[in-house]
Amino acid sequence: MTLMAFGPSIMKSSDLPAMTFVLWRLLFGALGYAIVLIATRRDFGWLELRRSALGGFIFGVTLVFFFAAMKRTSAANAVVISALQPVILLGVAGRLFGERPPRSLYGWSTVSIGGVALAMYASDGSGVASRSGDLLAVASMLLFSLYYVVSKRVRSELDSVSYQLGLTLVAALTIVPIALVAGHPITPPSGADWWPVVLMAVLPGTGHLLTNYAHAHVSLSVMGLIGLLFTAIAPLYAWWLVGEQIVALQAIGMTVVVAALAVVVTRPAEPMSS
């Protein structure tokens, strides 16, 4: 999450159209995953690509909905809506994976979501908010929850590097027709336009790889809750890298999120039911 939280600040430093940026971030990331796969002598072929296809398609569509939502609603609304993901994952973790989250996890989830809401309420509320934008943000949140579910299932069949390479390739293929329809060029960036693309692939891209590695070792409900760390750390990076201000109430909300997550992840893990 600490690596993925660099994403918003890196995006702000790029002048490329959204879909152009996303496409080449995916392609450059796929190159990096391929190098890791070759260096670790893992197999990758049609079977691995086929097993990664659904996760990659969902991930690509999620990116499209996310960027569309950010254009039509405020960043605060989008982040607060995305913070509802742990609620969705808590609801499906038991039925799909036999998880039995302790009751305390529901309480700490509520505290964390409250911290996110407080931080976003206190942040700069600039940006146009609309009902259609909020609905797009809800769709993005539900799709990302589905991506987590699919990824956890696939990780029982594939190692994280093979899965990450496969899903990234499929996500890139998903973005191409959408970029063309939107009128965004798919030609490679040039000059200084490359460095935000490379940073996005290296930093958040590695974060996605580590997240998919963790899916095989951490319960879905806890993974969803840890995801809220993104909303606490991303504003800190924005303050550090692009000079965005953090007010006192916003800092309190971020502290609440981090503290609640610290309690959850430092408690002994409970075994999942068979």
C-alpha atoms as a PDB file:
ATOM      1  CA  MET A   1       0.000   0.000   0.000  1.00  0.00           C
ATOM      2  CA  THR A   2       2.869   2.409   0.717  1.00  0.00           C
ATOM      3  CA  LEU A   3       4.107   1.873  -2.855  1.00  0.00           C
ATOM      4  CA  MET A   4       0.664   2.061  -4.465  1.00  0.00           C
ATOM      5  CA  ALA A   5      -0.030   5.350  -2.641  1.00  0.00           C
ATOM      6  CA  PHE A   6       2.560   7.087  -4.827  1.00  0.00           C
ATOM      7  CA  GLY A   7       0.097   6.771  -7.730  1.00  0.00           C
ATOM      8  CA  PRO A   8      -1.966   9.990  -7.359  1.00  0.00           C
ATOM      9  CA  SER A   9       1.126  12.182  -6.949  1.00  0.00           C
ATOM     10  CA  ILE A  10       2.828  10.606  -9.964  1.00  0.00           C
ATOM     11  CA  MET A  11      -0.324  11.061 -12.066  1.00  0.00           C
ATOM     12  CA  LYS A  12      -0.376  14.762 -11.194  1.00  0.00           C
ATOM     13  CA  SER A  13       3.110  15.150 -12.650  1.00  0.00           C
ATOM     14  CA  SER A  14       2.109  13.760 -16.066  1.00  0.00           C
ATOM     15  CA  ASP A  15       0.572  15.736 -18.934  1.00  0.00           C
ATOM     16  CA  LEU A  16      -0.361  12.631 -20.923  1.00  0.00           C
ATOM     17  CA  PRO A  17      -4.037  11.803 -21.581  1.00  0.00           C
ATOM     18  CA  ALA A  18      -5.310   9.387 -18.909  1.00  0.00           C
ATOM     19  CA  MET A  19      -5.718   6.297 -21.099  1.00  0.00           C
ATOM     20  CA  THR A  20      -2.376   6.900 -22.846  1.00  0.00           C
ATOM     21  CA  PHE A  21      -0.681   7.089 -19.466  1.00  0.00           C
ATOM     22  CA  VAL A  22      -2.415   3.977 -18.155  1.00  0.00           C
ATOM     23  CA  LEU A  23      -1.657   1.952 -21.304  1.00  0.00           C
ATOM     24  CA  TRP A  24       2.062   2.621 -21.298  1.00  0.00           C
ATOM     25  CA  ARG A  25       2.298   2.246 -17.529  1.00  0.00           C
ATOM     26  CA  LEU A  26       0.823  -1.236 -17.973  1.00  0.00           C
ATOM     27  CA  LEU A  27       3.099  -2.141 -20.886  1.00  0.00           C
ATOM     28  CA  PHE A  28       6.248  -0.938 -19.117  1.00  0.00           C
ATOM     29  CA  GLY A  29       5.136  -2.772 -15.967  1.00  0.00           C
ATOM     30  CA  ALA A  30       4.609  -5.965 -17.976  1.00  0.00           C
ATOM     31  CA  LEU A  31       8.185  -5.656 -19.256  1.00  0.00           C
ATOM     32  CA  GLY A  32       9.439  -5.463 -15.677  1.00  0.00           C
ATOM     33  CA  TYR A  33       7.386  -8.472 -14.562  1.00  0.00           C
ATOM     34  CA  ALA A  34       8.658 -10.434 -17.575  1.00  0.00           C
ATOM     35  CA  ILE A  35      12.263  -9.693 -16.569  1.00  0.00           C
ATOM     36  CA  VAL A  36      11.557 -10.883 -13.016  1.00  0.00           C
ATOM     37  CA  LEU A  37       9.844 -14.007 -14.349  1.00  0.00           C
ATOM     38  CA  ILE A  38      12.800 -14.862 -16.600  1.00  0.00           C
ATOM     39  CA  ALA A  39      15.315 -14.148 -13.842  1.00  0.00           C
ATOM     40  CA  THR A  40      13.469 -16.469 -11.431  1.00  0.00           C
ATOM     41  CA  ARG A  41      12.998 -19.137 -14.141  1.00  0.00           C
ATOM     42  CA  ARG A  42       9.242 -19.334 -13.830  1.00  0.00           C
ATOM     43  CA  ASP A  43       7.074 -20.763 -16.591  1.00  0.00           C
ATOM     44  CA  PHE A  44       4.642 -18.582 -18.494  1.00  0.00           C
ATOM     45  CA  GLY A  45       2.493 -19.657 -21.404  1.00  0.00           C
ATOM     46  CA  TRP A  46      -1.056 -19.843 -22.690  1.00  0.00           C
ATOM     47  CA  LEU A  47      -2.346 -21.590 -19.539  1.00  0.00           C
ATOM     48  CA  GLU A  48      -0.990 -18.864 -17.237  1.00  0.00           C
ATOM     49  CA  LEU A  49      -2.333 -16.128 -19.504  1.00  0.00           C
ATOM     50  CA  ARG A  50      -5.774 -17.754 -19.623  1.00  0.00           C
ATOM     51  CA  ARG A  51      -5.935 -18.058 -15.837  1.00  0.00           C
ATOM     52  CA  SER A  52      -4.926 -14.393 -15.504  1.00  0.00           C
ATOM     53  CA  ALA A  53      -7.387 -13.132 -18.102  1.00  0.00           C
ATOM     54  CA  LEU A  54     -10.416 -12.445 -15.902  1.00  0.00           C
ATOM     55  CA  GLY A  55      -8.402 -10.585 -13.268  1.00  0.00           C
ATOM     56  CA  GLY A  56      -6.667  -8.541 -15.965  1.00  0.00           C
ATOM     57  CA  PHE A  57      -9.914  -7.621 -17.703  1.00  0.00           C
ATOM     58  CA  ILE A  58     -11.533  -6.549 -14.424  1.00  0.00           C
ATOM     59  CA  PHE A  59      -8.425  -4.551 -13.457  1.00  0.00           C
ATOM     60  CA  GLY A  60      -8.384  -2.739 -16.808  1.00  0.00           C
ATOM     61  CA  VAL A  61     -12.081  -1.873 -16.647  1.00  0.00           C
ATOM     62  CA  THR A  62     -11.668  -0.742 -13.028  1.00  0.00           C
ATOM     63  CA  LEU A  63      -8.987   1.750 -14.100  1.00  0.00           C
ATOM     64  CA  VAL A  64     -11.326   3.167 -16.749  1.00  0.00           C
ATOM     65  CA  PHE A  65     -14.177   3.611 -14.264  1.00  0.00           C
ATOM     66  CA  PHE A  66     -11.831   5.129 -11.678  1.00  0.00           C
ATOM     67  CA  PHE A  67     -10.486   7.809 -14.018  1.00  0.00           C
ATOM     68  CA  ALA A  68     -13.975   8.526 -15.346  1.00  0.00           C
ATOM     69  CA  ALA A  69     -15.221   8.959 -11.779  1.00  0.00           C
ATOM     70  CA  MET A  70     -12.353  11.300 -10.883  1.00  0.00           C
ATOM     71  CA  LYS A  71     -13.390  13.594 -13.757  1.00  0.00           C
ATOM     72  CA  ARG A  72     -17.042  13.705 -12.706  1.00  0.00           C
ATOM     73  CA  THR A  73     -16.929  13.853  -8.930  1.00  0.00           C
ATOM     74  CA  SER A  74     -14.731  15.291  -6.212  1.00  0.00           C
ATOM     75  CA  ALA A  75     -11.637  13.436  -5.038  1.00  0.00           C
ATOM     76  CA  ALA A  76     -13.121  13.432  -1.528  1.00  0.00           C
ATOM     77  CA  ASN A  77     -16.298  11.668  -2.677  1.00  0.00           C
ATOM     78  CA  ALA A  78     -14.324   9.138  -4.725  1.00  0.00           C
ATOM     79  CA  VAL A  79     -11.996   8.250  -1.836  1.00  0.00           C
ATOM     80  CA  VAL A  80     -14.790   7.939   0.744  1.00  0.00           C
ATOM     81  CA  ILE A  81     -16.777   5.693  -1.616  1.00  0.00           C
ATOM     82  CA  SER A  82     -13.699   3.535  -2.269  1.00  0.00           C
ATOM     83  CA  ALA A  83     -13.274   3.180   1.493  1.00  0.00           C
ATOM     84  CA  LEU A  84     -16.441   1.060   1.534  1.00  0.00           C
ATOM     85  CA  GLN A  85     -14.515  -1.812  -0.088  1.00  0.00           C
ATOM     86  CA  PRO A  86     -13.724  -3.540   3.267  1.00  0.00           C
ATOM     87  CA  VAL A  87     -17.465  -3.727   3.967  1.00  0.00           C
ATOM     88  CA  ILE A  88     -18.038  -5.572   0.680  1.00  0.00           C
ATOM     89  CA  LEU A  89     -15.125  -7.935   1.275  1.00  0.00           C
ATOM     90  CA  LEU A  90     -16.213  -8.666   4.844  1.00  0.00           C
ATOM     91  CA  GLY A  91     -19.603  -9.631   3.441  1.00  0.00           C
ATOM     92  CA  VAL A  92     -18.249 -12.122   0.884  1.00  0.00           C
ATOM     93  CA  ALA A  93     -15.155 -13.480   2.668  1.00  0.00           C
ATOM     94  CA  GLY A  94     -17.087 -16.071   4.656  1.00  0.00           C
ATOM     95  CA  ARG A  95     -19.271 -17.337   1.832  1.00  0.00           C
ATOM     96  CA  LEU A  96     -16.510 -17.547  -0.792  1.00  0.00           C
ATOM     97  CA  PHE A  97     -13.432 -18.437   1.250  1.00  0.00           C
ATOM     98  CA  GLY A  98     -14.752 -19.816   4.527  1.00  0.00           C
ATOM     99  CA  GLU A  99     -13.269 -16.946   6.519  1.00  0.00           C
ATOM    100  CA  ARG A 100     -14.676 -16.104   9.922  1.00  0.00           C
ATOM    101  CA  PRO A 101     -13.447 -12.596  10.785  1.00  0.00           C
ATOM    102  CA  PRO A 102     -13.431 -11.835  14.517  1.00  0.00           C
ATOM    103  CA  ARG A 103     -16.093  -9.411  15.661  1.00  0.00           C
ATOM    104  CA  SER A 104     -13.405  -6.873  16.501  1.00  0.00           C
ATOM    105  CA  LEU A 105     -12.537  -6.614  12.803  1.00  0.00           C
ATOM    106  CA  TYR A 106     -15.991  -5.188  12.077  1.00  0.00           C
ATOM    107  CA  GLY A 107     -15.444  -2.576  14.769  1.00  0.00           C
ATOM    108  CA  TRP A 108     -12.003  -1.577  13.535  1.00  0.00           C
ATOM    109  CA  SER A 109     -13.347  -1.423   9.974  1.00  0.00           C
ATOM    110  CA  THR A 110     -15.942   1.091  11.135  1.00  0.00           C
ATOM    111  CA  VAL A 111     -13.279   3.122  12.923  1.00  0.00           C
ATOM    112  CA  SER A 112     -11.017   3.100   9.852  1.00  0.00           C
ATOM    113  CA  ILE A 113     -13.800   4.149   7.474  1.00  0.00           C
ATOM    114  CA  GLY A 114     -14.713   6.913   9.912  1.00  0.00           C
ATOM    115  CA  GLY A 115     -11.102   8.093   9.838  1.00  0.00           C
ATOM    116  CA  VAL A 116     -11.155   8.137   6.033  1.00  0.00           C
ATOM    117  CA  ALA A 117     -14.393  10.139   6.020  1.00  0.00           C
ATOM    118  CA  LEU A 118     -12.937  12.625   8.524  1.00  0.00           C
ATOM    119  CA  ALA A 119      -9.738  13.059   6.510  1.00  0.00           C
ATOM    120  CA  MET A 120     -11.621  13.610   3.255  1.00  0.00           C
ATOM    121  CA  TYR A 121     -14.094  15.996   4.907  1.00  0.00           C
ATOM    122  CA  ALA A 122     -11.214  18.148   6.105  1.00  0.00           C
ATOM    123  CA  SER A 123      -9.267  17.985   2.819  1.00  0.00           C
ATOM    124  CA  ASP A 124      -9.527  20.410  -0.063  1.00  0.00           C
ATOM    125  CA  GLY A 125     -12.986  19.823  -1.479  1.00  0.00           C
ATOM    126  CA  SER A 126     -12.255  21.294  -4.888  1.00  0.00           C
ATOM    127  CA  GLY A 127     -13.601  19.436  -7.872  1.00  0.00           C
ATOM    128  CA  VAL A 128     -17.013  18.959  -9.437  1.00  0.00           C
ATOM    129  CA  ALA A 129     -19.218  16.409  -7.739  1.00  0.00           C
ATOM    130  CA  SER A 130     -22.156  14.883  -9.597  1.00  0.00           C
ATOM    131  CA  ARG A 131     -24.503  11.963  -9.123  1.00  0.00           C
ATOM    132  CA  SER A 132     -23.160  10.256 -12.236  1.00  0.00           C
ATOM    133  CA  GLY A 133     -19.604  10.671 -10.949  1.00  0.00           C
ATOM    134  CA  ASP A 134     -20.526   9.182  -7.586  1.00  0.00           C
ATOM    135  CA  LEU A 135     -22.179   6.230  -9.336  1.00  0.00           C
ATOM    136  CA  LEU A 136     -19.030   5.700 -11.394  1.00  0.00           C
ATOM    137  CA  ALA A 137     -17.032   5.736  -8.148  1.00  0.00           C
ATOM    138  CA  VAL A 138     -19.370   3.106  -6.669  1.00  0.00           C
ATOM    139  CA  ALA A 139     -18.905   0.961  -9.791  1.00  0.00           C
ATOM    140  CA  SER A 140     -15.121   1.357  -9.523  1.00  0.00           C
ATOM    141  CA  MET A 141     -15.193   0.291  -5.867  1.00  0.00           C
ATOM    142  CA  LEU A 142     -17.325  -2.782  -6.620  1.00  0.00           C
ATOM    143  CA  LEU A 143     -15.080  -3.750  -9.552  1.00  0.00           C
ATOM    144  CA  PHE A 144     -11.949  -3.433  -7.432  1.00  0.00           C
ATOM    145  CA  SER A 145     -13.578  -5.609  -4.769  1.00  0.00           C
ATOM    146  CA  LEU A 146     -14.319  -8.182  -7.483  1.00  0.00           C
ATOM    147  CA  TYR A 147     -10.703  -7.929  -8.646  1.00  0.00           C
ATOM    148  CA  TYR A 148      -9.553  -8.790  -5.106  1.00  0.00           C
ATOM    149  CA  VAL A 149     -11.878 -11.797  -4.985  1.00  0.00           C
ATOM    150  CA  VAL A 150     -10.757 -13.087  -8.384  1.00  0.00           C
ATOM    151  CA  SER A 151      -7.084 -12.514  -7.544  1.00  0.00           C
ATOM    152  CA  LYS A 152      -7.341 -14.463  -4.318  1.00  0.00           C
ATOM    153  CA  ARG A 153      -8.862 -17.398  -6.193  1.00  0.00           C
ATOM    154  CA  VAL A 154      -6.249 -17.321  -8.957  1.00  0.00           C
ATOM    155  CA  ARG A 155      -3.394 -17.179  -6.462  1.00  0.00           C
ATOM    156  CA  SER A 156      -4.275 -20.738  -5.444  1.00  0.00           C
ATOM    157  CA  GLU A 157      -3.297 -21.764  -8.987  1.00  0.00           C
ATOM    158  CA  LEU A 158      -0.572 -19.309 -10.053  1.00  0.00           C
ATOM    159  CA  ASP A 159       2.452 -17.699  -8.435  1.00  0.00           C
ATOM    160  CA  SER A 160       2.260 -13.933  -8.009  1.00  0.00           C
ATOM    161  CA  VAL A 161       4.768 -12.973 -10.753  1.00  0.00           C
ATOM    162  CA  SER A 162       3.090 -15.099 -13.452  1.00  0.00           C
ATOM    163  CA  TYR A 163      -0.322 -13.792 -12.444  1.00  0.00           C
ATOM    164  CA  GLN A 164       0.865 -10.182 -12.373  1.00  0.00           C
ATOM    165  CA  LEU A 165       2.404 -10.466 -15.834  1.00  0.00           C
ATOM    166  CA  GLY A 166      -0.688 -12.129 -17.290  1.00  0.00           C
ATOM    167  CA  LEU A 167      -3.202  -9.732 -15.803  1.00  0.00           C
ATOM    168  CA  THR A 168      -1.143  -6.698 -16.798  1.00  0.00           C
ATOM    169  CA  LEU A 169      -0.980  -7.835 -20.426  1.00  0.00           C
ATOM    170  CA  VAL A 170      -4.733  -8.466 -20.520  1.00  0.00           C
ATOM    171  CA  ALA A 171      -5.430  -5.122 -18.805  1.00  0.00           C
ATOM    172  CA  ALA A 172      -3.327  -3.357 -21.458  1.00  0.00           C
ATOM    173  CA  LEU A 173      -5.260  -5.085 -24.246  1.00  0.00           C
ATOM    174  CA  THR A 174      -8.472  -4.003 -22.542  1.00  0.00           C
ATOM    175  CA  ILE A 175      -7.349  -0.369 -22.433  1.00  0.00           C
ATOM    176  CA  VAL A 176      -6.381  -0.130 -26.145  1.00  0.00           C
ATOM    177  CA  PRO A 177      -9.904  -0.024 -27.693  1.00  0.00           C
ATOM    178  CA  ILE A 178     -11.167   2.216 -24.880  1.00  0.00           C
ATOM    179  CA  ALA A 179      -8.319   4.678 -25.490  1.00  0.00           C
ATOM    180  CA  LEU A 180      -9.065   4.718 -29.219  1.00  0.00           C
ATOM    181  CA  VAL A 181     -12.775   5.352 -28.646  1.00  0.00           C
ATOM    182  CA  ALA A 182     -11.922   8.129 -26.181  1.00  0.00           C
ATOM    183  CA  GLY A 183      -9.583   9.705 -28.721  1.00  0.00           C
ATOM    184  CA  HIS A 184      -6.495   9.226 -26.575  1.00  0.00           C
ATOM    185  CA  PRO A 185      -3.358   8.361 -28.585  1.00  0.00           C
ATOM    186  CA  ILE A 186      -1.739   4.969 -28.033  1.00  0.00           C
ATOM    187  CA  THR A 187       1.635   6.014 -29.447  1.00  0.00           C
ATOM    188  CA  PRO A 188       4.609   5.803 -27.019  1.00  0.00           C
ATOM    189  CA  PRO A 189       5.394   8.856 -24.880  1.00  0.00           C
ATOM    190  CA  SER A 190       8.433  10.918 -25.735  1.00  0.00           C
ATOM    191  CA  GLY A 191      11.103  12.769 -23.781  1.00  0.00           C
ATOM    192  CA  ALA A 192      10.209  13.799 -20.252  1.00  0.00           C
ATOM    193  CA  ASP A 193       6.732  12.222 -20.569  1.00  0.00           C
ATOM    194  CA  TRP A 194       8.379   8.844 -19.963  1.00  0.00           C
ATOM    195  CA  TRP A 195       9.576   9.334 -16.403  1.00  0.00           C
ATOM    196  CA  PRO A 196       6.127   9.473 -14.688  1.00  0.00           C
ATOM    197  CA  VAL A 197       5.147   6.352 -16.677  1.00  0.00           C
ATOM    198  CA  VAL A 198       8.281   4.536 -15.510  1.00  0.00           C
ATOM    199  CA  LEU A 199       7.824   5.645 -11.896  1.00  0.00           C
ATOM    200  CA  MET A 200       4.183   4.513 -11.972  1.00  0.00           C
ATOM    201  CA  ALA A 201       5.200   1.089 -13.249  1.00  0.00           C
ATOM    202  CA  VAL A 202       8.046   0.687 -10.763  1.00  0.00           C
ATOM    203  CA  LEU A 203       6.448   1.985  -7.548  1.00  0.00           C
ATOM    204  CA  PRO A 204       2.666   1.330  -7.627  1.00  0.00           C
ATOM    205  CA  GLY A 205       3.342  -1.541 -10.042  1.00  0.00           C
ATOM    206  CA  THR A 206       5.527  -3.260  -7.447  1.00  0.00           C
ATOM    207  CA  GLY A 207       2.825  -2.532  -4.873  1.00  0.00           C
ATOM    208  CA  HIS A 208       0.284  -4.431  -6.985  1.00  0.00           C
ATOM    209  CA  LEU A 209       2.699  -7.349  -7.307  1.00  0.00           C
ATOM    210  CA  LEU A 210       3.213  -7.500  -3.537  1.00  0.00           C
ATOM    211  CA  THR A 211      -0.534  -7.262  -2.966  1.00  0.00           C
ATOM    212  CA  ASN A 212      -1.160 -10.262  -5.190  1.00  0.00           C
ATOM    213  CA  TYR A 213       1.619 -12.141  -3.403  1.00  0.00           C
ATOM    214  CA  ALA A 214      -0.109 -11.359  -0.090  1.00  0.00           C
ATOM    215  CA  HIS A 215      -3.451 -12.724  -1.301  1.00  0.00           C
ATOM    216  CA  ALA A 216      -2.114 -16.245  -0.784  1.00  0.00           C
ATOM    217  CA  HIS A 217      -1.174 -15.543   2.828  1.00  0.00           C
ATOM    218  CA  VAL A 218      -3.641 -12.975   4.236  1.00  0.00           C
ATOM    219  CA  SER A 219      -7.411 -13.266   4.659  1.00  0.00           C
ATOM    220  CA  LEU A 220      -9.559 -11.330   2.192  1.00  0.00           C
ATOM    221  CA  SER A 221     -11.258  -9.348   4.949  1.00  0.00           C
ATOM    222  CA  VAL A 222      -7.941  -8.138   6.384  1.00  0.00           C
ATOM    223  CA  MET A 223      -6.592  -7.391   2.900  1.00  0.00           C
ATOM    224  CA  GLY A 224      -9.550  -5.105   2.267  1.00  0.00           C
ATOM    225  CA  LEU A 225      -9.015  -3.297   5.544  1.00  0.00           C
ATOM    226  CA  ILE A 226      -5.278  -2.837   4.934  1.00  0.00           C
ATOM    227  CA  GLY A 227      -6.218  -1.257   1.609  1.00  0.00           C
ATOM    228  CA  LEU A 228      -7.498   1.760   3.553  1.00  0.00           C
ATOM    229  CA  LEU A 229      -3.869   2.577   4.321  1.00  0.00           C
ATOM    230  CA  PHE A 230      -3.746   3.954   0.768  1.00  0.00           C
ATOM    231  CA  THR A 231      -6.083   6.791   1.705  1.00  0.00           C
ATOM    232  CA  ALA A 232      -3.961   7.733   4.707  1.00  0.00           C
ATOM    233  CA  ILE A 233      -0.575   7.665   2.982  1.00  0.00           C
ATOM    234  CA  ALA A 234      -1.427   9.147  -0.436  1.00  0.00           C
ATOM    235  CA  PRO A 235      -2.072  12.658   1.000  1.00  0.00           C
ATOM    236  CA  LEU A 236       1.290  12.519   2.796  1.00  0.00           C
ATOM    237  CA  TYR A 237       3.043  11.826  -0.505  1.00  0.00           C
ATOM    238  CA  ALA A 238       1.054  14.627  -2.154  1.00  0.00           C
ATOM    239  CA  TRP A 239       2.220  17.012   0.595  1.00  0.00           C
ATOM    240  CA  TRP A 240       5.818  15.836   0.191  1.00  0.00           C
ATOM    241  CA  LEU A 241       6.033  15.613  -3.602  1.00  0.00           C
ATOM    242  CA  VAL A 242       3.566  18.127  -5.046  1.00  0.00           C
ATOM    243  CA  GLY A 243       3.113  20.579  -2.171  1.00  0.00           C
ATOM    244  CA  GLU A 244      -0.516  19.865  -1.248  1.00  0.00           C
ATOM    245  CA  GLN A 245      -1.431  21.081   2.214  1.00  0.00           C
ATOM    246  CA  ILE A 246      -2.630  18.864   5.081  1.00  0.00           C
ATOM    247  CA  VAL A 247      -4.824  20.536   7.683  1.00  0.00           C
ATOM    248  CA  ALA A 248      -5.017  19.466  11.328  1.00  0.00           C
ATOM    249  CA  LEU A 249      -8.395  17.696  11.109  1.00  0.00           C
ATOM    250  CA  GLN A 250      -7.240  15.811   8.033  1.00  0.00           C
ATOM    251  CA  ALA A 251      -4.114  14.678   9.885  1.00  0.00           C
ATOM    252  CA  ILE A 252      -6.285  13.431  12.768  1.00  0.00           C
ATOM    253  CA  GLY A 253      -8.398  11.357  10.385  1.00  0.00           C
ATOM    254  CA  MET A 254      -5.283   9.867   8.768  1.00  0.00           C
ATOM    255  CA  THR A 255      -3.884   9.026  12.213  1.00  0.00           C
ATOM    256  CA  VAL A 256      -7.134   7.243  13.135  1.00  0.00           C
ATOM    257  CA  VAL A 257      -6.877   5.090   9.988  1.00  0.00           C
ATOM    258  CA  VAL A 258      -3.242   4.137  10.599  1.00  0.00           C
ATOM    259  CA  ALA A 259      -3.828   3.426  14.301  1.00  0.00           C
ATOM    260  CA  ALA A 260      -6.848   1.198  13.626  1.00  0.00           C
ATOM    261  CA  LEU A 261      -4.964  -0.739  10.956  1.00  0.00           C
ATOM    262  CA  ALA A 262      -1.968  -1.116  13.270  1.00  0.00           C
ATOM    263  CA  VAL A 263      -4.204  -2.812  15.856  1.00  0.00           C
ATOM    264  CA  VAL A 264      -5.589  -5.229  13.251  1.00  0.00           C
ATOM    265  CA  VAL A 265      -2.341  -6.289  11.579  1.00  0.00           C
ATOM    266  CA  THR A 266      -0.366  -6.724  14.801  1.00  0.00           C
ATOM    267  CA  ARG A 267      -2.871  -9.124  16.345  1.00  0.00           C
ATOM    268  CA  PRO A 268      -2.244 -12.851  15.925  1.00  0.00           C
ATOM    269  CA  ALA A 269      -3.913 -14.210  12.798  1.00  0.00           C
ATOM    270  CA  GLU A 270      -6.877 -16.504  13.337  1.00  0.00           C
ATOM    271  CA  PRO A 271      -6.955 -19.658  11.200  1.00  0.00           C
ATOM    272  CA  MET A 272      -9.479 -19.733   8.378  1.00  0.00           C
ATOM    273  CA  SER A 273     -12.114 -22.417   8.575  1.00  0.00           C
ATOM    274  CA  SER A 274     -11.735 -25.320   6.188  1.00  0.00           C
END
